[in-house]
Protein backbone atom coordinates (compact mmCIF):
# COMPACT_ATOMS: atom_id res chain seq x y z
CA MET A 1 149.78 -37.71 167.91
CA GLU A 2 149.11 -35.38 164.97
CA GLU A 3 151.57 -34.86 162.16
CA GLY A 4 154.20 -32.34 163.14
CA MET A 5 153.94 -33.20 166.84
CA GLU A 6 156.33 -36.17 166.82
CA GLY A 7 159.31 -34.06 167.83
CA HIS A 8 157.42 -32.71 170.82
CA ARG A 9 156.31 -36.10 172.16
CA PRO A 10 158.82 -36.29 175.09
CA LEU A 11 157.81 -32.82 176.30
CA TRP A 12 154.12 -33.59 175.86
CA GLU A 13 154.38 -36.87 177.74
CA GLU A 14 156.26 -35.15 180.58
CA LEU A 15 153.51 -32.53 180.85
CA MET A 16 150.91 -35.31 180.96
CA LYS A 17 152.72 -37.01 183.84
CA LYS A 18 152.62 -33.82 185.91
CA GLN A 19 148.84 -33.52 185.74
CA VAL A 20 146.63 -34.39 188.72
CA PHE A 21 143.22 -36.02 188.42
CA ASN A 22 140.20 -36.99 190.51
CA PRO A 23 140.39 -39.44 192.18
CA TYR A 24 143.91 -38.34 193.10
CA LEU A 25 145.26 -41.70 194.35
CA PRO A 26 145.98 -44.75 192.14
CA SER A 27 142.91 -46.48 190.76
CA TYR A 28 143.35 -49.53 192.99
CA GLU A 29 143.33 -47.53 196.24
CA TYR A 30 140.20 -46.80 198.28
CA VAL A 31 140.89 -44.24 201.01
CA PRO A 32 137.72 -42.30 201.86
CA ASP A 33 137.10 -39.80 204.69
CA GLY A 34 140.30 -38.01 203.74
CA GLU A 35 141.72 -35.45 206.18
CA PRO A 36 144.52 -33.50 204.44
CA TYR A 37 147.40 -31.79 206.23
CA VAL A 38 150.60 -30.11 205.12
CA PHE A 39 153.48 -31.06 207.38
CA GLY A 40 156.78 -29.60 206.24
CA ASP A 41 156.92 -29.68 202.46
CA ARG A 42 154.53 -32.62 202.00
CA LEU A 43 150.77 -33.09 201.88
CA TYR A 44 149.54 -36.07 203.92
CA VAL A 45 146.08 -37.61 203.60
CA TYR A 46 144.68 -39.67 206.47
CA GLY A 47 141.43 -41.56 206.02
CA SER A 48 139.68 -44.80 206.66
CA HIS A 49 140.41 -47.71 204.30
CA ASP A 50 137.81 -49.50 202.20
CA LYS A 51 138.40 -52.70 200.28
CA PHE A 52 137.41 -53.16 196.67
CA ASN A 53 134.32 -55.39 196.69
CA GLY A 54 134.22 -55.21 200.49
CA LYS A 55 130.84 -55.82 202.06
CA ASN A 56 131.10 -53.03 204.63
CA PHE A 57 132.83 -49.73 205.35
CA CYS A 58 136.43 -49.38 206.53
CA LEU A 59 137.54 -53.01 206.41
CA GLY A 60 141.24 -52.25 206.02
CA ASP A 61 143.88 -50.98 208.42
CA TYR A 62 144.89 -47.34 208.27
CA VAL A 63 147.27 -46.41 205.47
CA CYS A 64 148.81 -43.07 204.56
CA TRP A 65 149.64 -41.42 201.26
CA SER A 66 151.68 -38.26 200.81
CA ALA A 67 152.83 -35.98 198.02
CA PRO A 68 155.29 -33.08 197.80
CA VAL A 69 153.44 -29.77 197.76
CA SER A 70 155.49 -28.92 194.68
CA ASP A 71 154.01 -31.88 192.74
CA LEU A 72 150.56 -33.03 193.87
CA GLY A 73 150.56 -35.80 191.27
CA GLU A 74 153.57 -37.59 192.77
CA TRP A 75 151.86 -39.64 195.48
CA LYS A 76 153.86 -41.94 197.72
CA TYR A 77 152.39 -44.90 199.57
CA GLU A 78 153.60 -44.66 203.17
CA GLY A 79 152.25 -48.11 204.00
CA VAL A 80 150.09 -49.33 206.86
CA ILE A 81 150.42 -46.80 209.69
CA TYR A 82 148.10 -48.39 212.28
CA ARG A 83 146.33 -51.74 212.61
CA LYS A 84 142.95 -52.52 214.13
CA ALA A 85 144.37 -55.00 216.63
CA GLN A 86 146.77 -52.45 218.12
CA ASP A 87 143.91 -51.04 220.18
CA PRO A 88 143.76 -52.91 223.53
CA LYS A 89 139.96 -52.96 223.36
CA ASN A 90 140.11 -54.53 219.89
CA LYS A 91 142.85 -57.16 220.15
CA LYS A 92 140.98 -59.54 217.85
CA GLY A 93 140.46 -56.82 215.25
CA LEU A 94 136.69 -57.33 215.16
CA SER A 95 135.90 -53.60 215.23
CA VAL A 96 136.76 -51.69 212.06
CA LEU A 97 138.58 -48.37 212.09
CA ASN A 98 136.25 -45.53 211.13
CA ALA A 99 137.32 -42.09 209.93
CA PRO A 100 140.41 -40.77 211.78
CA ASP A 101 142.03 -37.38 212.23
CA VAL A 102 145.63 -36.37 212.94
CA GLN A 103 147.22 -33.36 214.63
CA LYS A 104 150.75 -32.34 215.51
CA GLY A 105 150.80 -31.91 219.26
CA PRO A 106 152.57 -29.29 221.38
CA ASP A 107 155.38 -31.80 221.99
CA GLY A 108 156.08 -32.10 218.25
CA ARG A 109 154.69 -35.63 217.98
CA TYR A 110 151.77 -36.62 215.76
CA TYR A 111 148.53 -37.83 217.32
CA LEU A 112 145.97 -39.99 215.50
CA TYR A 113 142.39 -39.94 216.86
CA TYR A 114 139.84 -42.58 215.87
CA VAL A 115 136.79 -44.52 216.98
CA ALA A 116 136.73 -48.26 216.38
CA SER A 117 133.26 -49.50 215.52
CA MET A 118 131.28 -51.14 218.34
CA LEU A 119 133.30 -49.10 220.86
CA THR A 120 132.01 -45.90 222.40
CA VAL A 121 135.32 -44.22 223.16
CA VAL A 122 137.81 -42.07 221.27
CA SER A 123 141.16 -43.83 220.95
CA VAL A 124 144.49 -42.09 220.38
CA ALA A 125 147.74 -43.31 218.81
CA VAL A 126 151.03 -41.42 218.53
CA SER A 127 154.08 -41.28 216.27
CA ASP A 128 157.26 -39.26 215.96
CA HIS A 129 156.64 -38.88 212.24
CA PRO A 130 153.60 -37.76 210.21
CA GLU A 131 153.80 -40.92 208.08
CA GLY A 132 153.84 -43.15 211.15
CA PRO A 133 153.90 -45.88 212.14
CA PHE A 134 151.63 -45.04 215.09
CA ALA A 135 151.54 -46.78 218.46
CA PHE A 136 148.54 -46.92 220.80
CA TYR A 137 148.61 -44.04 223.32
CA GLY A 138 145.35 -44.03 225.28
CA TYR A 139 141.66 -43.15 225.45
CA VAL A 140 140.15 -39.67 225.73
CA GLY A 141 138.61 -39.41 229.17
CA HIS A 142 137.72 -37.48 232.29
CA ARG A 143 140.11 -36.62 235.11
CA ASP A 144 138.79 -39.58 237.10
CA GLY A 145 139.90 -41.94 234.33
CA THR A 146 136.43 -42.64 232.90
CA PRO A 147 136.61 -42.71 229.09
CA TYR A 148 134.55 -39.99 227.43
CA GLY A 149 131.40 -41.57 226.06
CA LYS A 150 130.87 -43.97 228.95
CA LYS A 151 128.94 -41.60 231.20
CA HIS A 152 125.17 -41.34 230.82
CA GLY A 153 124.12 -38.63 228.39
CA GLU A 154 127.48 -38.19 226.69
CA ALA A 155 127.68 -38.08 222.91
CA TYR A 156 127.92 -41.16 220.77
CA ASN A 157 131.50 -40.85 219.57
CA PHE A 158 132.06 -41.10 215.84
CA ASP A 159 134.42 -39.58 213.24
CA PRO A 160 136.46 -37.54 215.76
CA ALA A 161 138.32 -34.40 214.72
CA VAL A 162 141.25 -32.87 216.58
CA PHE A 163 142.46 -29.28 216.31
CA MET A 164 145.33 -27.35 217.89
CA ASP A 165 144.92 -23.58 217.95
CA GLU A 166 147.73 -21.11 217.49
CA ASP A 167 148.00 -20.68 221.25
CA GLY A 168 148.69 -24.41 221.66
CA ARG A 169 145.28 -25.30 223.14
CA ILE A 170 143.83 -28.61 221.94
CA TYR A 171 140.21 -29.31 220.98
CA LEU A 172 138.36 -32.50 220.14
CA TYR A 173 135.11 -32.78 218.16
CA SER A 174 132.90 -35.84 217.90
CA GLY A 175 129.29 -36.89 217.35
CA PHE A 176 126.74 -38.75 215.29
CA ALA A 177 123.18 -37.59 214.69
CA PRO A 178 121.11 -39.82 212.39
CA ASP A 179 117.43 -39.16 211.90
CA ARG A 180 116.55 -42.77 211.16
CA GLY A 181 114.57 -44.88 213.57
CA PHE A 182 116.73 -47.99 213.25
CA LEU A 183 120.02 -46.19 213.82
CA ARG A 184 118.65 -44.19 216.70
CA THR A 185 117.23 -47.30 218.35
CA VAL A 186 120.42 -49.36 218.02
CA MET A 187 123.01 -46.66 218.68
CA GLY A 188 121.02 -44.46 221.03
CA MET A 189 121.47 -47.03 223.78
CA ARG A 190 125.20 -46.29 223.65
CA GLY A 191 125.23 -42.50 223.56
CA ASN A 192 123.60 -39.18 222.80
CA LEU A 193 122.73 -38.76 219.11
CA ASP A 194 121.60 -35.13 219.00
CA GLY A 195 124.55 -33.35 217.35
CA ALA A 196 128.27 -32.63 217.24
CA TYR A 197 130.13 -31.78 220.42
CA GLY A 198 133.41 -29.98 220.98
CA MET A 199 135.62 -30.08 224.05
CA GLU A 200 139.02 -28.81 225.11
CA LEU A 201 141.75 -31.28 226.02
CA GLU A 202 144.66 -30.97 228.39
CA GLN A 203 148.19 -30.85 226.98
CA ASP A 204 148.42 -34.63 227.42
CA MET A 205 146.06 -34.85 224.40
CA LEU A 206 143.79 -37.22 226.37
CA THR A 207 142.14 -35.57 229.38
CA LEU A 208 139.01 -33.44 229.07
CA LYS A 209 139.40 -29.87 230.27
CA GLY A 210 135.93 -28.55 230.94
CA GLU A 211 132.58 -29.81 229.73
CA PRO A 212 131.67 -30.70 226.10
CA VAL A 213 129.44 -28.20 224.30
CA MET A 214 127.28 -28.67 221.22
CA VAL A 215 128.80 -27.06 218.15
CA ALA A 216 126.28 -28.18 215.49
CA PRO A 217 122.73 -29.52 215.97
CA GLY A 218 121.45 -32.77 214.55
CA PRO A 219 118.08 -33.17 212.79
CA LEU A 220 116.05 -33.44 216.02
CA LEU A 221 117.32 -30.12 217.41
CA VAL A 222 117.76 -28.11 214.22
CA SER A 223 114.58 -26.01 214.32
CA GLY A 224 115.31 -22.31 214.77
CA THR A 225 119.11 -22.70 214.62
CA GLY A 226 119.85 -21.60 211.05
CA PHE A 227 121.04 -25.13 210.18
CA GLU A 228 117.60 -26.19 208.89
CA GLY A 229 117.85 -28.56 205.92
CA HIS A 230 121.55 -29.09 206.57
CA ALA A 231 121.65 -30.41 210.13
CA PHE A 232 124.75 -32.21 211.39
CA TYR A 233 124.92 -35.92 210.64
CA GLU A 234 128.58 -37.03 210.97
CA ALA A 235 132.18 -36.37 209.81
CA SER A 236 133.46 -33.56 212.07
CA SER A 237 136.46 -31.56 210.84
CA MET A 238 137.94 -28.25 212.06
CA ARG A 239 140.18 -25.63 210.45
CA LYS A 240 141.08 -22.00 211.15
CA VAL A 241 141.24 -19.42 208.37
CA ARG A 242 141.97 -15.69 208.83
CA GLY A 243 141.00 -15.79 212.49
CA LYS A 244 137.71 -17.64 211.89
CA TYR A 245 137.00 -21.24 212.88
CA TYR A 246 135.45 -23.46 210.21
CA PHE A 247 133.59 -26.55 211.37
CA VAL A 248 133.15 -28.87 208.36
CA TYR A 249 130.69 -31.76 208.53
CA SER A 250 128.48 -34.11 206.53
CA SER A 251 124.88 -32.96 206.72
CA GLU A 252 121.66 -34.87 207.15
CA LEU A 253 121.54 -35.08 203.34
CA SER A 254 124.73 -37.20 203.52
CA HIS A 255 125.86 -36.41 199.95
CA GLU A 256 127.22 -32.97 200.90
CA LEU A 257 129.85 -31.40 203.10
CA CYS A 258 128.75 -28.20 204.81
CA TYR A 259 130.52 -25.64 206.96
CA ALA A 260 129.73 -23.43 209.92
CA THR A 261 131.84 -20.55 211.21
CA GLY A 262 132.59 -19.24 214.68
CA ASP A 263 134.85 -16.76 216.44
CA ALA A 264 136.08 -19.31 218.98
CA PRO A 265 137.03 -23.00 218.78
CA LEU A 266 133.86 -24.05 220.63
CA GLY A 267 131.61 -21.54 218.94
CA PRO A 268 128.89 -20.56 218.85
CA PHE A 269 128.82 -21.56 215.18
CA ARG A 270 126.67 -20.13 212.42
CA TYR A 271 125.67 -22.22 209.42
CA GLY A 272 127.64 -21.12 206.36
CA GLY A 273 126.60 -23.26 203.39
CA THR A 274 127.44 -26.27 201.26
CA LEU A 275 131.09 -26.77 200.35
CA ILE A 276 130.61 -29.70 197.95
CA SER A 277 127.90 -32.16 196.91
CA ILE A 278 129.00 -35.41 195.28
CA GLY A 279 126.06 -35.01 192.90
CA ASP A 280 126.52 -31.24 192.33
CA ILE A 281 123.10 -30.82 193.93
CA GLY A 282 122.55 -27.18 194.84
CA LEU A 283 125.25 -25.91 192.50
CA ASP A 284 123.80 -22.95 190.58
CA GLY A 285 120.34 -24.06 191.71
CA ASN A 286 120.65 -27.56 190.24
CA GLN A 287 118.45 -30.14 191.99
CA ASN A 288 119.20 -33.15 189.77
CA ALA A 289 122.10 -35.35 190.86
CA MET A 290 124.78 -35.44 188.17
CA ASN A 291 126.53 -38.37 189.82
CA TYR A 292 125.54 -41.35 191.96
CA LEU A 293 125.05 -40.40 195.60
CA GLY A 294 126.18 -41.84 198.91
CA ASN A 295 127.84 -40.50 202.04
CA THR A 296 130.88 -38.25 201.95
CA HIS A 297 133.48 -36.97 204.39
CA GLY A 298 136.56 -34.81 204.20
CA GLY A 299 138.39 -31.68 205.29
CA MET A 300 139.96 -28.46 204.05
CA ALA A 301 143.63 -27.80 203.34
CA GLU A 302 145.64 -24.82 202.12
CA ILE A 303 148.30 -25.92 199.64
CA ASN A 304 150.61 -23.41 197.97
CA GLY A 305 148.22 -20.59 198.90
CA GLN A 306 145.14 -22.34 197.43
CA TRP A 307 142.40 -23.85 199.61
CA TYR A 308 140.86 -27.22 198.71
CA ILE A 309 138.03 -29.37 200.03
CA PHE A 310 138.70 -33.11 200.12
CA TYR A 311 135.75 -35.54 199.81
CA HIS A 312 134.98 -39.03 198.49
CA ARG A 313 132.79 -40.74 195.89
CA GLN A 314 131.22 -44.22 195.61
CA THR A 315 132.24 -46.95 193.15
CA ASN A 316 131.44 -50.54 192.22
CA ARG A 317 127.64 -50.30 192.69
CA GLN A 318 127.97 -50.05 196.46
CA LYS A 319 128.03 -47.55 199.29
CA CYS A 320 131.25 -48.77 200.88
CA CYS A 321 133.85 -48.81 198.08
CA ARG A 322 134.90 -45.17 198.14
CA GLN A 323 137.70 -43.08 196.65
CA GLY A 324 139.08 -39.68 197.59
CA CYS A 325 138.75 -36.55 195.46
CA ALA A 326 139.50 -32.86 196.00
CA GLU A 327 138.35 -29.52 194.58
CA LYS A 328 139.49 -25.93 194.76
CA ILE A 329 137.44 -23.65 196.99
CA THR A 330 137.41 -19.88 197.28
CA ILE A 331 137.18 -18.21 200.68
CA LEU A 332 135.69 -14.76 200.06
CA PRO A 333 136.68 -11.65 202.04
CA ASP A 334 133.56 -11.97 204.22
CA GLY A 335 134.54 -15.54 205.13
CA SER A 336 131.88 -17.26 203.05
CA ILE A 337 132.73 -20.13 200.68
CA PRO A 338 130.71 -20.66 197.48
CA GLN A 339 129.84 -24.28 196.69
CA ALA A 340 132.58 -26.00 194.70
CA GLU A 341 131.77 -28.00 191.59
CA LEU A 342 132.82 -31.56 190.81
CA THR A 343 135.68 -31.75 188.34
CA SER A 344 138.15 -34.25 186.91
CA CYS A 345 141.11 -31.98 187.70
CA GLY A 346 140.68 -30.93 191.33
CA LEU A 347 144.31 -30.75 192.53
CA ASN A 348 145.60 -29.87 189.07
CA ASN A 349 146.73 -26.29 188.68
CA GLY A 350 144.09 -25.45 186.08
CA PRO A 351 142.30 -27.41 183.35
CA LEU A 352 143.71 -30.59 181.84
CA LEU A 353 145.71 -30.53 178.64
CA GLY A 354 143.60 -30.78 175.52
CA ARG A 355 145.74 -33.58 174.11
CA GLY A 356 146.76 -36.94 175.46
CA THR A 357 145.21 -40.11 176.88
CA TYR A 358 142.79 -40.00 179.81
CA GLU A 359 141.25 -42.80 181.84
CA ALA A 360 137.46 -42.90 181.90
CA ARG A 361 137.62 -43.34 185.69
CA ILE A 362 138.26 -39.59 186.09
CA ALA A 363 134.69 -38.77 185.01
CA CYS A 364 133.15 -36.33 187.49
CA HIS A 365 129.59 -36.80 186.17
CA LEU A 366 128.05 -40.21 185.55
CA MET A 367 124.39 -41.03 185.03
CA SER A 368 121.93 -43.23 183.15
CA ARG A 369 119.10 -42.12 180.89
CA LYS A 370 116.90 -42.19 184.01
CA GLY A 371 119.36 -40.19 186.07
CA THR A 372 121.04 -41.47 189.22
CA PHE A 373 120.18 -42.84 192.66
CA LYS A 374 121.71 -43.04 196.14
CA TYR A 375 123.70 -46.07 197.22
CA GLU A 376 122.19 -47.13 200.55
CA LYS A 377 122.88 -50.87 200.71
CA SER A 378 126.19 -52.70 200.80
CA PHE A 379 125.58 -53.67 197.19
CA GLU A 380 122.88 -51.78 195.32
CA LYS A 381 120.81 -53.74 192.83
CA ASP A 382 120.15 -52.05 189.52
CA LYS A 383 116.66 -53.37 188.87
CA ASP A 384 116.51 -51.87 185.40
CA GLY A 385 120.05 -52.93 184.47
CA ILE A 386 120.70 -49.52 182.95
CA HIS A 387 122.98 -47.73 185.38
CA PRO A 388 126.70 -47.25 184.68
CA PHE A 389 129.27 -47.50 187.48
CA PHE A 390 132.99 -47.32 188.21
CA THR A 391 134.68 -50.67 188.78
CA GLN A 392 138.03 -52.37 188.22
CA SER A 393 139.61 -55.56 186.98
CA GLY A 394 141.60 -57.63 189.48
CA GLY A 395 141.21 -57.88 193.23
CA ASP A 396 141.63 -55.48 196.12
CA ARG A 397 144.81 -53.35 195.83
CA ASP A 398 145.79 -55.09 192.61
CA GLU A 399 148.30 -52.69 191.10
CA ASN A 400 147.98 -54.43 187.74
CA GLY A 401 144.22 -53.95 187.57
CA ASP A 402 142.58 -51.09 185.70
CA GLN A 403 139.54 -49.05 186.63
CA TYR A 404 136.87 -48.20 184.07
CA ILE A 405 133.22 -47.29 183.64
CA ALA A 406 131.04 -50.38 183.24
CA ASN A 407 127.53 -50.84 181.85
CA MET A 408 126.99 -47.70 179.82
CA THR A 409 123.60 -48.45 178.26
CA ASP A 410 121.46 -46.38 175.91
CA GLY A 411 121.43 -42.80 177.17
CA SER A 412 124.23 -43.20 179.73
CA VAL A 413 126.44 -40.12 180.12
CA ALA A 414 130.03 -39.70 181.37
CA GLY A 415 131.22 -36.12 181.80
CA PHE A 416 134.74 -34.74 182.28
CA LYS A 417 135.69 -31.20 183.40
CA TYR A 418 137.78 -29.32 182.31
CA PHE A 419 140.08 -29.28 179.27
CA ARG A 420 141.97 -26.64 177.34
CA PHE A 421 141.63 -28.29 173.94
CA GLU A 422 144.33 -26.36 172.07
CA GLY A 423 143.42 -27.41 168.55
CA ALA A 424 142.66 -31.12 169.02
CA SER A 425 140.26 -32.39 166.35
CA ARG A 426 140.33 -36.17 166.73
CA ILE A 427 138.99 -38.25 169.60
CA GLN A 428 139.68 -41.95 170.10
CA ILE A 429 137.93 -44.14 172.67
CA MET A 430 138.69 -47.60 174.08
CA THR A 431 135.61 -49.74 174.76
CA ARG A 432 134.37 -53.31 175.00
CA GLY A 433 131.03 -55.05 175.58
CA ASN A 434 128.09 -56.24 173.53
CA GLY A 435 127.00 -52.71 172.64
CA LYS A 436 126.32 -51.68 169.08
CA GLY A 437 125.69 -48.02 168.46
CA LYS A 438 127.36 -44.63 168.71
CA VAL A 439 129.01 -42.42 171.27
CA GLU A 440 127.87 -38.81 170.95
CA LEU A 441 130.29 -36.06 171.96
CA ARG A 442 129.16 -32.79 173.55
CA THR A 443 130.72 -29.95 175.52
CA GLY A 444 128.02 -30.15 178.19
CA PRO A 445 125.42 -32.57 179.55
CA GLU A 446 123.03 -31.25 176.92
CA GLY A 447 123.50 -29.28 173.73
CA SER A 448 124.63 -29.88 170.20
CA VAL A 449 126.49 -33.02 169.17
CA ILE A 450 129.99 -32.13 167.99
CA GLY A 451 130.99 -35.63 166.89
CA ARG A 452 129.92 -39.30 166.82
CA ILE A 453 132.02 -42.44 167.24
CA GLU A 454 130.76 -45.80 165.97
CA VAL A 455 130.93 -48.61 168.55
CA ALA A 456 130.79 -52.34 167.68
CA PRO A 457 130.51 -55.41 169.94
CA SER A 458 133.83 -56.75 171.22
CA ALA A 459 134.94 -59.04 174.05
CA GLU A 460 138.33 -57.28 174.15
CA TRP A 461 139.20 -53.63 174.48
CA GLN A 462 139.03 -51.97 171.06
CA LEU A 463 139.77 -48.51 169.70
CA SER A 464 137.30 -46.40 167.73
CA SER A 465 137.73 -42.79 166.65
CA VAL A 466 136.25 -39.78 164.94
CA ILE A 467 138.13 -37.11 162.97
CA GLY A 468 137.18 -33.48 162.50
CA VAL A 469 135.57 -32.86 165.89
CA ALA A 470 134.78 -29.18 166.38
CA LEU A 471 136.23 -28.78 169.87
CA PRO A 472 136.11 -25.26 171.32
CA GLU A 473 139.32 -23.32 171.75
CA GLU A 474 138.39 -22.12 175.23
CA VAL A 475 138.33 -24.17 178.43
CA SER A 476 135.41 -26.60 178.23
CA PRO A 477 133.99 -29.89 179.55
CA LEU A 478 133.67 -33.01 177.42
CA TYR A 479 130.69 -35.38 177.67
CA PHE A 480 130.25 -38.86 176.16
CA THR A 481 126.74 -40.27 175.66
CA TYR A 482 126.22 -43.85 174.52
CA VAL A 483 123.28 -44.34 172.11
CA GLY A 484 122.56 -47.88 171.00
CA GLU A 485 121.83 -51.48 171.92
CA GLY A 486 123.31 -53.50 174.75
CA TYR A 487 126.03 -52.09 177.02
CA MET A 488 129.43 -50.50 176.58
CA ASN A 489 132.34 -50.53 179.01
CA PHE A 490 134.44 -47.39 178.73
CA ASN A 491 138.17 -47.58 179.54
CA GLN A 492 139.85 -44.44 178.19
CA PHE A 493 139.84 -41.73 175.53
CA GLU A 494 142.55 -39.87 173.67
CA LEU A 495 142.55 -36.32 172.34
CA LEU A 496 144.67 -35.89 169.21
């Protein structure tokens, strides 16, 4: 803290506590595929549950986190809300729980829809409370009792979404449409893989009412539809805004969430655009990934009059160790939504304070001197040994562990957006590793260096700083580039 600020420390620390960062949950929590809903005066996020260092997706039971809409930084762990073995078809818990969705039904109860891996049906659980716990309720099926997905030609069920319209009618969306030979060969034997399907349900929340219809085409059927280049892949999600229906999904590119709009719950839907890319690909014409790629999944929510898109990022050098993030979106008068950018302050009401201590884990851009790549294996090998990544100390859900950026080698960049610097002129960083060199400070991925911090080898976390940094007075990003030998682990930085 600068001279003259000592008397303001309690106020400043209180303001810091009220800020919200990306990822929005604690550093030890890995809840991807987040579907956000406001029930009453709280925001609830439902998703699948990865394990730190897990060797596959969704290895944990479902958990729930919630926050008051008046303070989106005050997250509460609601605990385990549903366990794998509660499903009668999965009593041994061998099938993992993929991305779920939740809806408040016409009877006032809360219904959780999910597909357990290796099963071809949509399962439903129910609770009297949005935070659970949930109890098994049944399987979505036809009037004759046959579960949907068991009849020849029906869609391969995956990542179901459930939506209740203002008139109380219930709709279910499901589908999976890979364009990879292996996936189509293995999974195609168990269902149709050509796109996303929507269907109306009876008021019992289980029984199909009418026939399923395609709402978004997959890669094999995309020609001539307007979805070219952004065909449906997975991750169905539905919302209604100003009388229009927004179908949100992960496209064939996997690293982006797209949307399509329609005038009815079952369409027809018209391709709208990209909502978010976890590499900022496509933003302002950019074609170079500014962050490491993988799959993503999420949904939209209106909170205090502001719309957000929720999504997830990859960590720990693997595709299946994912954390939830969120960004503001703007729905224009014509219904279109410009692509949102990655930031470190998604749910925060504006830029971050230009003073205080920040964890390196909130970086929204991360890349090596050779750029980035896409995580496609359970654990991705860095053949060159140059790529930085987010990781943590301690084991899975270790509340005493800390998350940081590991392996920043020569030319590695970590970027943070946005800050209102407010006169700060000193920056202090906490690092460790065998690196010997400098950290260059910039207000963008490229551009003039505004300060340099000397870094020396250390097996323990150490502090280094620079004084007299010419930080801009307006809202601006802050980028750290390591230049030197060896590697540097980056824990936190402080603006003074």
